[in-house]
Protein backbone atom coordinates (compact mmCIF):
# COMPACT_ATOMS: atom_id res chain seq x y z
CA MET A 1 0.06 0.02 0.00
CA SER A 2 1.14 3.60 -0.80
CA ILE A 3 -0.33 6.80 0.43
CA TYR A 4 0.00 10.02 -1.66
CA TYR A 5 -0.49 13.40 0.05
CA LEU A 6 -1.50 16.50 -1.71
CA ARG A 7 -1.27 20.07 -0.14
CA ASN A 8 -1.66 23.67 -1.38
CA ILE A 9 -4.29 22.61 -3.87
CA PRO A 10 -5.78 25.67 -5.59
CA GLU A 11 -8.82 26.99 -3.66
CA TYR A 12 -11.07 26.79 -6.72
CA TYR A 13 -10.64 23.05 -6.73
CA LEU A 14 -11.09 22.67 -2.98
CA ASN A 15 -14.26 24.82 -3.17
CA ARG A 16 -15.77 22.52 -5.79
CA PHE A 17 -16.14 19.71 -3.21
CA SER A 18 -19.65 19.74 -2.14
CA SER A 19 -21.61 18.31 0.71
CA VAL A 20 -22.83 14.77 -0.23
CA ARG A 21 -26.53 14.02 -0.03
CA SER A 22 -26.83 11.65 -2.97
CA SER A 23 -24.75 9.35 -5.15
CA PHE A 24 -24.71 12.15 -7.71
CA ASP A 25 -22.87 14.50 -5.22
CA ASN A 26 -20.43 11.76 -4.48
CA PHE A 27 -19.70 11.15 -8.10
CA LEU A 28 -19.23 14.93 -8.66
CA ASN A 29 -16.61 14.99 -5.94
CA LEU A 30 -14.87 11.96 -7.41
CA LEU A 31 -14.62 13.79 -10.71
CA ASN A 32 -13.17 16.85 -8.98
CA LEU A 33 -10.68 14.51 -7.28
CA ALA A 34 -9.67 13.07 -10.63
CA GLU A 35 -9.17 16.52 -12.04
CA ILE A 36 -6.97 17.47 -9.14
CA VAL A 37 -4.87 14.27 -9.59
CA ASN A 38 -4.52 15.19 -13.33
CA THR A 39 -3.50 18.78 -13.01
CA CYS A 40 -1.92 19.34 -9.52
CA HIS A 41 1.38 17.34 -9.79
CA GLU A 42 3.27 20.03 -8.05
CA CYS A 43 0.89 19.57 -4.92
CA TYR A 44 2.26 16.13 -4.01
CA VAL A 45 4.17 16.09 -0.63
CA LYS A 46 5.90 13.59 1.47
CA ASN A 47 4.77 14.97 4.88
CA SER A 48 1.59 13.57 6.28
CA ASN A 49 1.27 16.12 9.00
CA GLN A 50 -0.40 18.74 6.80
CA PHE A 51 -2.40 17.71 3.78
CA ASP A 52 -5.54 18.59 1.82
CA ILE A 53 -6.06 15.19 0.36
CA ALA A 54 -4.61 11.78 1.09
CA ILE A 55 -5.00 8.98 -1.44
CA PHE A 56 -4.56 5.38 -0.50
CA THR A 57 -3.59 2.83 -3.15
CA GLY A 58 -2.63 -0.81 -3.29
CA GLY A 59 -6.15 -2.17 -3.19
CA LEU A 60 -7.63 0.26 -0.59
CA ASN A 61 -8.23 2.76 -3.37
CA ARG A 62 -9.72 5.48 -1.12
CA ALA A 63 -9.38 9.18 -0.70
CA VAL A 64 -9.53 11.20 2.53
CA ILE A 65 -10.23 14.86 2.03
CA LYS A 66 -9.83 17.50 4.72
CA LYS A 67 -12.52 20.10 5.27
CA ASN A 68 -12.65 23.05 7.69
CA ASP A 69 -14.47 21.02 10.34
CA GLY A 70 -13.16 17.58 9.83
CA TYR A 71 -12.72 15.13 7.00
CA PHE A 72 -14.77 12.94 4.50
CA SER A 73 -13.74 9.89 2.72
CA MET A 74 -14.96 7.83 -0.30
CA SER A 75 -13.71 4.83 -2.18
CA ILE A 76 -12.22 5.40 -5.67
CA PRO A 77 -13.90 3.26 -8.30
CA PHE A 78 -10.86 3.50 -10.71
CA GLN A 79 -7.71 1.58 -11.05
CA ILE A 80 -4.83 3.58 -9.56
CA ILE A 81 -1.47 3.52 -11.42
CA ASN A 82 1.45 4.51 -9.21
CA SER A 83 4.24 6.58 -10.68
CA ASN A 84 7.36 7.75 -8.90
CA ASP A 85 5.86 11.10 -7.78
CA HIS A 86 2.13 11.02 -8.82
CA ILE A 87 -0.75 8.71 -9.65
CA THR A 88 -3.05 8.27 -12.62
CA PHE A 89 -6.71 7.02 -12.54
CA ILE A 90 -7.90 4.43 -15.08
CA SER A 91 -11.43 3.48 -15.93
CA ASN A 92 -11.43 -0.28 -16.31
CA TYR A 93 -14.83 -0.19 -18.01
CA MET A 94 -13.68 2.10 -20.73
CA GLU A 95 -10.14 0.84 -20.75
CA GLU A 96 -8.80 4.41 -20.75
CA GLU A 97 -7.41 7.02 -18.63
CA VAL A 98 -9.67 9.23 -16.58
CA SER A 99 -8.70 12.29 -18.71
CA GLY A 100 -10.17 15.68 -19.12
CA ILE A 101 -12.54 14.40 -21.77
CA PHE A 102 -13.71 11.54 -19.65
CA ILE A 103 -14.36 13.88 -16.72
CA SER A 104 -16.29 16.32 -19.05
CA ILE A 105 -18.48 13.52 -20.37
CA MET A 106 -19.27 12.17 -16.93
CA ARG A 107 -20.16 15.75 -15.68
CA ASN A 108 -22.48 16.25 -18.66
CA THR A 109 -24.03 12.89 -17.95
CA LEU A 110 -24.67 13.89 -14.28
CA GLN A 111 -26.09 17.26 -15.27
CA THR A 112 -28.55 15.63 -17.74
CA MET A 113 -29.47 12.94 -15.19
CA LYS A 114 -30.28 15.56 -12.58
CA SER A 115 -33.18 16.80 -14.81
CA ASN A 116 -36.37 15.11 -13.40
CA SER A 117 -37.47 14.00 -16.92
CA ALA A 118 -34.12 12.69 -18.04
CA SER A 119 -33.86 9.17 -19.53
CA HIS A 120 -30.98 7.16 -20.72
CA GLU A 121 -31.83 8.33 -24.34
CA ASP A 122 -31.58 11.90 -23.23
CA VAL A 123 -28.09 11.26 -21.83
CA ILE A 124 -26.84 9.36 -24.95
CA LEU A 125 -28.27 12.06 -27.23
CA SER A 126 -26.65 14.81 -25.17
CA LEU A 127 -23.21 13.14 -25.34
CA ILE A 128 -23.55 12.73 -29.09
CA GLU A 129 -24.51 16.48 -29.61
CA ASN A 130 -21.98 17.90 -27.16
CA PHE A 131 -18.98 15.80 -27.77
CA ASN A 132 -19.32 14.75 -31.41
CA ILE A 133 -19.01 11.14 -30.60
CA GLU A 134 -20.51 8.06 -32.34
CA LEU A 135 -23.72 6.42 -30.96
CA GLN A 136 -21.89 3.30 -29.81
CA ASP A 137 -19.26 5.35 -28.00
CA SER A 138 -21.97 7.43 -26.28
CA ILE A 139 -23.69 4.26 -25.12
CA LYS A 140 -20.44 2.92 -23.77
CA TYR A 141 -19.84 6.09 -21.77
CA TYR A 142 -23.40 5.94 -20.45
CA ASP A 143 -22.83 2.32 -19.37
CA ALA A 144 -19.56 3.35 -17.73
CA PHE A 145 -21.47 6.08 -15.83
CA VAL A 146 -24.07 3.61 -14.51
CA SER A 147 -21.37 1.09 -13.54
CA ILE A 148 -19.51 3.73 -11.58
CA LEU A 149 -22.71 5.02 -9.91
CA SER A 150 -23.61 1.49 -8.85
CA GLU A 151 -20.32 0.86 -7.00
CA ASP A 152 -20.27 0.85 -3.26
CA HIS A 153 -19.14 4.42 -2.56
CA GLY A 154 -18.04 3.71 1.02
CA TYR A 155 -18.72 7.32 2.01
CA PHE A 156 -18.27 8.59 5.50
CA ARG A 157 -17.22 11.81 7.28
CA PHE A 158 -16.06 13.14 10.52
CA ASP A 159 -17.33 16.42 11.88
CA ASN A 160 -16.09 18.64 14.65
CA ASP A 161 -19.38 20.60 15.14
CA PRO A 162 -19.43 22.71 18.35
CA GLU A 163 -22.16 24.94 16.99
CA ASN A 164 -24.70 22.06 16.86
CA GLU A 165 -23.43 20.04 19.82
CA ASN A 166 -26.37 18.72 21.90
CA GLY A 167 -25.00 16.37 24.45
CA ASP A 168 -25.19 12.74 23.39
CA ILE A 169 -27.89 13.48 20.82
CA HIS A 170 -25.58 15.35 18.58
CA PRO A 171 -22.00 14.97 19.91
CA ARG A 172 -19.49 17.64 18.99
CA PHE A 173 -17.17 15.01 17.55
CA HIS A 174 -18.95 12.40 15.42
CA PHE A 175 -18.82 10.25 12.40
CA ASP A 176 -21.69 10.20 9.82
CA ILE A 177 -21.82 7.00 7.88
CA PHE A 178 -23.70 7.18 4.52
CA TYR A 179 -24.92 10.28 3.08
CA LYS A 180 -28.70 10.06 2.77
CA ASP A 181 -30.49 11.66 5.77
CA SER A 182 -33.07 9.02 6.15
CA THR A 183 -30.44 6.13 6.35
CA ALA A 184 -27.42 7.70 7.75
CA LEU A 185 -25.74 6.57 10.94
CA LYS A 186 -24.22 8.95 13.42
CA ILE A 187 -21.49 7.65 15.86
CA GLY A 188 -20.10 9.92 18.72
CA TYR A 189 -16.29 10.16 19.34
CA ASP A 190 -14.52 11.48 22.35
CA ARG A 191 -11.94 13.54 20.51
CA ASP A 192 -10.86 15.12 17.26
CA ALA A 193 -10.18 12.24 14.63
CA ARG A 194 -6.96 12.26 12.64
CA LEU A 195 -5.97 10.37 9.52
CA GLU A 196 -4.68 7.50 11.63
CA CYS A 197 -8.29 7.10 13.01
CA PHE A 198 -9.66 7.13 9.44
CA GLN A 199 -7.11 4.55 8.25
CA SER A 200 -7.94 2.25 11.15
CA LEU A 201 -11.71 2.12 10.04
CA PHE A 202 -11.02 1.10 6.39
CA ASP A 203 -7.62 -0.64 6.37
CA SER A 204 -8.02 -4.25 7.28
CA THR A 205 -4.49 -4.53 8.63
CA LYS A 206 -4.98 -1.80 11.30
CA GLU A 207 -6.29 -2.31 14.71
CA LYS A 208 -9.92 -1.24 15.07
CA LYS A 209 -11.73 1.12 17.07
CA TYR A 210 -14.56 0.12 19.54
CA LEU A 211 -17.88 1.76 20.39
CA THR A 212 -18.08 2.81 24.06
CA ASN A 213 -21.12 4.20 25.97
CA SER A 214 -20.54 7.88 26.86
CA SER A 215 -21.53 7.08 30.44
CA VAL A 216 -18.47 4.86 30.65
CA LEU A 217 -16.34 7.63 29.14
CA ASN A 218 -17.62 10.08 31.69
CA LYS A 219 -16.47 7.87 34.48
CA GLN A 220 -12.96 7.69 33.19
């Protein structure tokens, strides 16, 4: 396993990461991550103490992204090719690099799909008209979109939220598992979580954390 750290990423990229409330939101964040990977080679650093993004490779294929009040993390549905000083994402379905054109096509597909009346025919037609590609290529990109969207996104986040703290009902430090409000899980934590805590949750080689009742914590 290798970990790649990126720091001093331009603000316009960091500001494009959005709150995740649907699989579409998560996909948009993945595309933003792919664009950062493609364009910000000068942002790779060796030091893990300060970073904007950490990318785990070697089978984990997961990103941890720092935000003002914590972190969020999602799995990466692409093959990751390790180079000496940077990485590249590959779409196995398309058998091509996750390049600028791939990212643009997926963003166009997402925008079309967000229309309440959109159908797969609308998406395919939109790709043909906007990218001047053949019908079979447009269908293949749509199928790649559906394949990625159906992946297990493995999304979770950690919040340090003193403004909304409400005892054990809404702990200041907490993890939110899943992104849909009606199915999300909230788990309180007794401290600010760091990258090592995140890694212990998704890396099968690391020792795991345990849930502990807050009443037990208060007695310690």
